[in-house]
Amino acid sequence: MPNLFLPILTGWCALWLVLAGIGFLFGLRCTRGPETHRWFTGFWVMTIFWVAVDLVIVVWALLAPVDDVAEFQKLLLINSGLDVVYIIVGGILVTRKDRLASGFGAAIILQGVFLLGFDLAWWWILGQPVA
């Protein structure tokens, strides 16, 4: 596993944990009406869920690191496929009339796009010859 993989993922988690705390509090004070309040609640609750999922990945990687580059690249490709599924599910949820579900969908899309880019970038980096 590359040395920068876990610090970048951990930094992403820390950033979104702070933003989720601030955003969730803002959502609680939202004066734009109950539907907007529901959207903010959905978005930030789902964001906190994804931070938890990402932190589980960090802990798993610390406890059982993958040292074989080919095996790690395979895991990254599998994760990339799952990321596409997350983005599709988020897209479906974002179109729902229920603002809570729509907020969930927006958060899933955001996190899925990051994870897709993250996984594919590392897959590509690891496939490049070492100079």
C-alpha atoms as a PDB file:
ATOM      1  CA  MET A   1       0.000   0.000   0.000  1.00  0.00           C
ATOM      2  CA  PRO A   2       1.456   3.411  -0.907  1.00  0.00           C
ATOM      3  CA  ASN A   3       2.652   5.613   1.950  1.00  0.00           C
ATOM      4  CA  LEU A   4       0.338   8.514   1.067  1.00  0.00           C
ATOM      5  CA  PHE A   5      -2.824   6.435   0.597  1.00  0.00           C
ATOM      6  CA  LEU A   6      -3.944   6.407   4.232  1.00  0.00           C
ATOM      7  CA  PRO A   7      -2.972  10.017   5.093  1.00  0.00           C
ATOM      8  CA  ILE A   8      -4.974  11.315   2.119  1.00  0.00           C
ATOM      9  CA  LEU A   9      -8.015   9.198   2.998  1.00  0.00           C
ATOM     10  CA  THR A  10      -7.721  10.147   6.673  1.00  0.00           C
ATOM     11  CA  GLY A  11      -7.456  13.829   5.732  1.00  0.00           C
ATOM     12  CA  TRP A  12     -10.579  13.504   3.587  1.00  0.00           C
ATOM     13  CA  CYS A  13     -12.395  11.980   6.573  1.00  0.00           C
ATOM     14  CA  ALA A  14     -11.224  14.723   8.933  1.00  0.00           C
ATOM     15  CA  LEU A  15     -12.248  17.467   6.496  1.00  0.00           C
ATOM     16  CA  TRP A  16     -15.731  16.023   5.987  1.00  0.00           C
ATOM     17  CA  LEU A  17     -16.211  15.267   9.656  1.00  0.00           C
ATOM     18  CA  VAL A  18     -15.640  18.955  10.443  1.00  0.00           C
ATOM     19  CA  LEU A  19     -17.813  20.071   7.511  1.00  0.00           C
ATOM     20  CA  ALA A  20     -20.534  17.607   8.500  1.00  0.00           C
ATOM     21  CA  GLY A  21     -20.586  18.914  12.051  1.00  0.00           C
ATOM     22  CA  ILE A  22     -20.837  22.517  10.862  1.00  0.00           C
ATOM     23  CA  GLY A  23     -23.309  21.675   8.101  1.00  0.00           C
ATOM     24  CA  PHE A  24     -25.501  19.575  10.335  1.00  0.00           C
ATOM     25  CA  LEU A  25     -25.711  22.403  12.870  1.00  0.00           C
ATOM     26  CA  PHE A  26     -26.497  24.847  10.044  1.00  0.00           C
ATOM     27  CA  GLY A  27     -29.187  22.477   8.802  1.00  0.00           C
ATOM     28  CA  LEU A  28     -30.773  22.409  12.249  1.00  0.00           C
ATOM     29  CA  ARG A  29     -30.974  26.211  12.200  1.00  0.00           C
ATOM     30  CA  CYS A  30     -32.112  26.410   8.579  1.00  0.00           C
ATOM     31  CA  THR A  31     -34.903  28.936   8.169  1.00  0.00           C
ATOM     32  CA  ARG A  32     -35.675  28.136   4.524  1.00  0.00           C
ATOM     33  CA  GLY A  33     -38.512  25.820   5.433  1.00  0.00           C
ATOM     34  CA  PRO A  34     -38.986  22.220   6.494  1.00  0.00           C
ATOM     35  CA  GLU A  35     -38.182  20.715   3.083  1.00  0.00           C
ATOM     36  CA  THR A  36     -34.811  22.463   2.906  1.00  0.00           C
ATOM     37  CA  HIS A  37     -34.192  21.388   6.499  1.00  0.00           C
ATOM     38  CA  ARG A  38     -34.903  17.777   5.483  1.00  0.00           C
ATOM     39  CA  TRP A  39     -32.451  18.045   2.558  1.00  0.00           C
ATOM     40  CA  PHE A  40     -29.659  19.385   4.793  1.00  0.00           C
ATOM     41  CA  THR A  41     -30.382  16.708   7.378  1.00  0.00           C
ATOM     42  CA  GLY A  42     -30.232  13.966   4.745  1.00  0.00           C
ATOM     43  CA  PHE A  43     -27.049  15.311   3.175  1.00  0.00           C
ATOM     44  CA  TRP A  44     -25.115  15.678   6.419  1.00  0.00           C
ATOM     45  CA  VAL A  45     -26.333  12.466   8.032  1.00  0.00           C
ATOM     46  CA  MET A  46     -25.295  10.513   4.929  1.00  0.00           C
ATOM     47  CA  THR A  47     -21.977  12.374   4.853  1.00  0.00           C
ATOM     48  CA  ILE A  48     -21.294  11.322   8.443  1.00  0.00           C
ATOM     49  CA  PHE A  49     -22.153   7.736   7.471  1.00  0.00           C
ATOM     50  CA  TRP A  50     -19.617   7.872   4.604  1.00  0.00           C
ATOM     51  CA  VAL A  51     -16.951   9.315   6.900  1.00  0.00           C
ATOM     52  CA  ALA A  52     -17.541   6.292   9.141  1.00  0.00           C
ATOM     53  CA  VAL A  53     -17.218   3.934   6.148  1.00  0.00           C
ATOM     54  CA  ASP A  54     -13.993   5.632   5.045  1.00  0.00           C
ATOM     55  CA  LEU A  55     -12.603   5.395   8.583  1.00  0.00           C
ATOM     56  CA  VAL A  56     -13.395   1.671   8.641  1.00  0.00           C
ATOM     57  CA  ILE A  57     -11.321   1.369   5.453  1.00  0.00           C
ATOM     58  CA  VAL A  58      -8.452   3.255   7.133  1.00  0.00           C
ATOM     59  CA  VAL A  59      -8.563   1.016  10.211  1.00  0.00           C
ATOM     60  CA  TRP A  60      -8.797  -2.122   8.060  1.00  0.00           C
ATOM     61  CA  ALA A  61      -5.794  -0.963   6.013  1.00  0.00           C
ATOM     62  CA  LEU A  62      -3.810  -0.333   9.186  1.00  0.00           C
ATOM     63  CA  LEU A  63      -4.666  -3.729  10.675  1.00  0.00           C
ATOM     64  CA  ALA A  64      -4.306  -5.773   7.489  1.00  0.00           C
ATOM     65  CA  PRO A  65      -2.178  -3.829   5.011  1.00  0.00           C
ATOM     66  CA  VAL A  66      -1.967  -5.076   1.445  1.00  0.00           C
ATOM     67  CA  ASP A  67       1.703  -5.215   0.457  1.00  0.00           C
ATOM     68  CA  ASP A  68       1.331  -6.832  -2.969  1.00  0.00           C
ATOM     69  CA  VAL A  69       0.938  -4.050  -5.557  1.00  0.00           C
ATOM     70  CA  ALA A  70      -0.970  -6.252  -8.024  1.00  0.00           C
ATOM     71  CA  GLU A  71      -3.420  -7.327  -5.307  1.00  0.00           C
ATOM     72  CA  PHE A  72      -3.872  -3.712  -4.203  1.00  0.00           C
ATOM     73  CA  GLN A  73      -4.549  -2.619  -7.797  1.00  0.00           C
ATOM     74  CA  LYS A  74      -7.156  -5.370  -8.088  1.00  0.00           C
ATOM     75  CA  LEU A  75      -8.849  -4.112  -4.909  1.00  0.00           C
ATOM     76  CA  LEU A  76      -8.795  -0.567  -6.284  1.00  0.00           C
ATOM     77  CA  LEU A  77     -10.522  -1.699  -9.499  1.00  0.00           C
ATOM     78  CA  ILE A  78     -13.179  -3.594  -7.543  1.00  0.00           C
ATOM     79  CA  ASN A  79     -13.725  -0.521  -5.370  1.00  0.00           C
ATOM     80  CA  SER A  80     -13.952   1.651  -8.490  1.00  0.00           C
ATOM     81  CA  GLY A  81     -16.791  -0.537  -9.764  1.00  0.00           C
ATOM     82  CA  LEU A  82     -18.557  -0.164  -6.424  1.00  0.00           C
ATOM     83  CA  ASP A  83     -17.995   3.596  -6.569  1.00  0.00           C
ATOM     84  CA  VAL A  84     -19.835   3.714  -9.905  1.00  0.00           C
ATOM     85  CA  VAL A  85     -22.732   1.836  -8.293  1.00  0.00           C
ATOM     86  CA  TYR A  86     -22.767   4.371  -5.432  1.00  0.00           C
ATOM     87  CA  ILE A  87     -22.897   7.260  -7.898  1.00  0.00           C
ATOM     88  CA  ILE A  88     -25.792   5.642  -9.794  1.00  0.00           C
ATOM     89  CA  VAL A  89     -27.730   4.990  -6.571  1.00  0.00           C
ATOM     90  CA  GLY A  90     -27.046   8.582  -5.480  1.00  0.00           C
ATOM     91  CA  GLY A  91     -28.326   9.811  -8.833  1.00  0.00           C
ATOM     92  CA  ILE A  92     -31.530   7.852  -8.371  1.00  0.00           C
ATOM     93  CA  LEU A  93     -32.024   9.181  -4.834  1.00  0.00           C
ATOM     94  CA  VAL A  94     -31.324  12.785  -5.845  1.00  0.00           C
ATOM     95  CA  THR A  95     -34.307  12.685  -8.216  1.00  0.00           C
ATOM     96  CA  ARG A  96     -36.763  11.656  -5.486  1.00  0.00           C
ATOM     97  CA  LYS A  97     -39.425  14.092  -4.352  1.00  0.00           C
ATOM     98  CA  ASP A  98     -38.622  13.346  -0.723  1.00  0.00           C
ATOM     99  CA  ARG A  99     -36.029  15.990   0.208  1.00  0.00           C
ATOM    100  CA  LEU A 100     -34.439  13.701   2.799  1.00  0.00           C
ATOM    101  CA  ALA A 101     -33.763  11.059   0.131  1.00  0.00           C
ATOM    102  CA  SER A 102     -32.562  13.767  -2.234  1.00  0.00           C
ATOM    103  CA  GLY A 103     -30.065  14.969   0.384  1.00  0.00           C
ATOM    104  CA  PHE A 104     -28.901  11.379   0.883  1.00  0.00           C
ATOM    105  CA  GLY A 105     -28.382  11.077  -2.863  1.00  0.00           C
ATOM    106  CA  ALA A 106     -26.342  14.277  -3.135  1.00  0.00           C
ATOM    107  CA  ALA A 107     -24.022  13.116  -0.353  1.00  0.00           C
ATOM    108  CA  ILE A 108     -23.633   9.663  -1.927  1.00  0.00           C
ATOM    109  CA  ILE A 109     -22.754  11.223  -5.295  1.00  0.00           C
ATOM    110  CA  LEU A 110     -20.177  13.539  -3.719  1.00  0.00           C
ATOM    111  CA  GLN A 111     -18.492  10.780  -1.740  1.00  0.00           C
ATOM    112  CA  GLY A 112     -18.733   8.296  -4.630  1.00  0.00           C
ATOM    113  CA  VAL A 113     -17.089  10.721  -7.066  1.00  0.00           C
ATOM    114  CA  PHE A 114     -14.245  11.350  -4.624  1.00  0.00           C
ATOM    115  CA  LEU A 115     -13.730   7.633  -3.996  1.00  0.00           C
ATOM    116  CA  LEU A 116     -13.867   6.833  -7.714  1.00  0.00           C
ATOM    117  CA  GLY A 117     -11.230   9.456  -8.490  1.00  0.00           C
ATOM    118  CA  PHE A 118      -9.151   8.382  -5.486  1.00  0.00           C
ATOM    119  CA  ASP A 119      -9.252   4.683  -6.359  1.00  0.00           C
ATOM    120  CA  LEU A 120      -8.561   5.194 -10.075  1.00  0.00           C
ATOM    121  CA  ALA A 121      -5.757   7.667  -9.401  1.00  0.00           C
ATOM    122  CA  TRP A 122      -4.002   5.203  -7.106  1.00  0.00           C
ATOM    123  CA  TRP A 123      -4.600   2.351  -9.557  1.00  0.00           C
ATOM    124  CA  TRP A 124      -3.001   4.439 -12.303  1.00  0.00           C
ATOM    125  CA  ILE A 125      -0.105   5.650 -10.116  1.00  0.00           C
ATOM    126  CA  LEU A 126       0.719   2.120  -9.033  1.00  0.00           C
ATOM    127  CA  GLY A 127       0.706   0.915 -12.632  1.00  0.00           C
ATOM    128  CA  GLN A 128       3.385   3.410 -13.680  1.00  0.00           C
ATOM    129  CA  PRO A 129       6.981   2.227 -13.842  1.00  0.00           C
ATOM    130  CA  VAL A 130       9.195   3.400 -10.989  1.00  0.00           C
ATOM    131  CA  ALA A 131      11.868   5.833 -12.218  1.00  0.00           C
END
